[in-house]
Protein backbone atom coordinates (compact mmCIF):
# COMPACT_ATOMS: atom_id res chain seq x y z
CA MET A 1 141.49 -184.54 -43.23
CA LEU A 2 144.82 -185.90 -43.43
CA VAL A 3 145.13 -189.08 -44.43
CA LEU A 4 147.49 -191.74 -43.81
CA THR A 5 148.46 -195.13 -44.51
CA ARG A 6 150.49 -196.98 -41.97
CA LYS A 7 151.83 -200.11 -41.14
CA PRO A 8 151.54 -202.37 -37.46
CA GLY A 9 154.71 -201.34 -35.89
CA GLU A 10 154.79 -196.98 -37.45
CA SER A 11 153.53 -194.51 -35.85
CA ILE A 12 152.66 -190.54 -36.96
CA MET A 13 153.38 -187.63 -34.31
CA LEU A 14 150.38 -185.30 -33.52
CA GLY A 15 152.77 -181.88 -32.04
CA ASP A 16 155.80 -182.82 -29.96
CA ASP A 17 153.82 -185.46 -27.04
CA ILE A 18 151.99 -187.18 -28.56
CA GLU A 19 152.63 -190.38 -30.83
CA LEU A 20 149.70 -192.94 -32.26
CA THR A 21 151.11 -196.39 -33.32
CA VAL A 22 149.22 -198.89 -35.23
CA ILE A 23 149.48 -201.63 -32.56
CA GLY A 24 147.58 -204.43 -35.10
CA ILE A 25 144.90 -205.84 -37.96
CA GLU A 26 142.39 -208.27 -37.37
CA GLY A 27 139.79 -207.86 -40.44
CA GLU A 28 138.39 -204.54 -40.05
CA GLN A 29 139.63 -203.29 -36.28
CA ILE A 30 142.53 -201.96 -36.27
CA LYS A 31 144.63 -201.53 -32.81
CA LEU A 32 146.20 -198.15 -31.96
CA GLY A 33 148.55 -197.42 -29.18
CA ILE A 34 148.80 -193.36 -27.75
CA SER A 35 151.88 -192.16 -25.65
CA ALA A 36 151.17 -188.72 -24.52
CA PRO A 37 151.30 -186.99 -21.27
CA LYS A 38 149.12 -187.98 -18.22
CA GLU A 39 147.34 -184.71 -18.20
CA ILE A 40 146.26 -185.19 -22.18
CA ASN A 41 142.49 -186.85 -22.07
CA ILE A 42 141.84 -189.38 -24.37
CA TYR A 43 138.19 -190.76 -24.85
CA ARG A 44 136.89 -192.86 -27.15
CA LYS A 45 134.96 -190.89 -29.97
CA GLU A 46 131.54 -191.35 -28.66
CA VAL A 47 132.38 -191.42 -24.81
CA TYR A 48 133.61 -187.85 -25.15
CA LEU A 49 130.61 -186.54 -26.79
CA ASN A 50 128.20 -188.46 -24.16
CA ILE A 51 130.46 -186.35 -21.81
CA LYS A 52 129.58 -182.97 -23.76
CA GLU A 53 126.34 -183.88 -23.48
CA SER A 54 126.08 -184.78 -20.01
CA ASN A 55 127.69 -181.42 -19.46
CA ARG A 56 125.63 -179.00 -21.19
CA GLU A 57 122.56 -180.70 -20.30
CA ALA A 58 123.99 -179.80 -16.48
CA VAL A 59 124.55 -175.99 -17.31
CA ASP A 60 121.58 -176.17 -18.93
CA SER A 61 119.24 -177.78 -16.17
CA ARG A 62 118.24 -174.92 -13.03
CA ILE A 63 117.16 -175.83 -9.92
CA SER A 64 115.64 -172.47 -7.79
CA ILE A 65 116.76 -171.27 -4.34
CA GLY A 66 113.43 -173.25 -2.94
CA GLN A 67 114.78 -176.27 -3.84
CA ILE A 68 118.55 -176.13 -2.84
CA LYS A 69 117.17 -175.52 0.15
CA ASN A 70 114.85 -178.47 0.84
CA LEU A 71 117.89 -180.59 -0.40
CA MET A 72 120.00 -179.58 1.64
CA LYS A 73 117.20 -179.73 4.82
CA LYS A 74 116.64 -183.52 3.57
CA ARG A 75 120.35 -183.95 3.78
CA GLY A 76 120.40 -182.50 7.28
CA LEU A 77 122.84 -179.05 5.98
CA GLY A 78 120.20 -176.65 6.10
CA ARG A 79 117.96 -174.70 8.84
């Protein structure tokens, strides 16, 4: 892990397109500003891990053809 020291108003660059700026320091909290292209998704780590777990659960859940047919019938989409 690279550890850097930055003061409020100072930045670091991640590649050519992402700039991370220290906006302020209040007690034990640091406010960061992130400038990145729109196609880059930016999440807090706990949100990112939650999304990954939800996706894993969705892939792991198995549904039978019969269950799909029943769901479609309930919604008026099946025969």
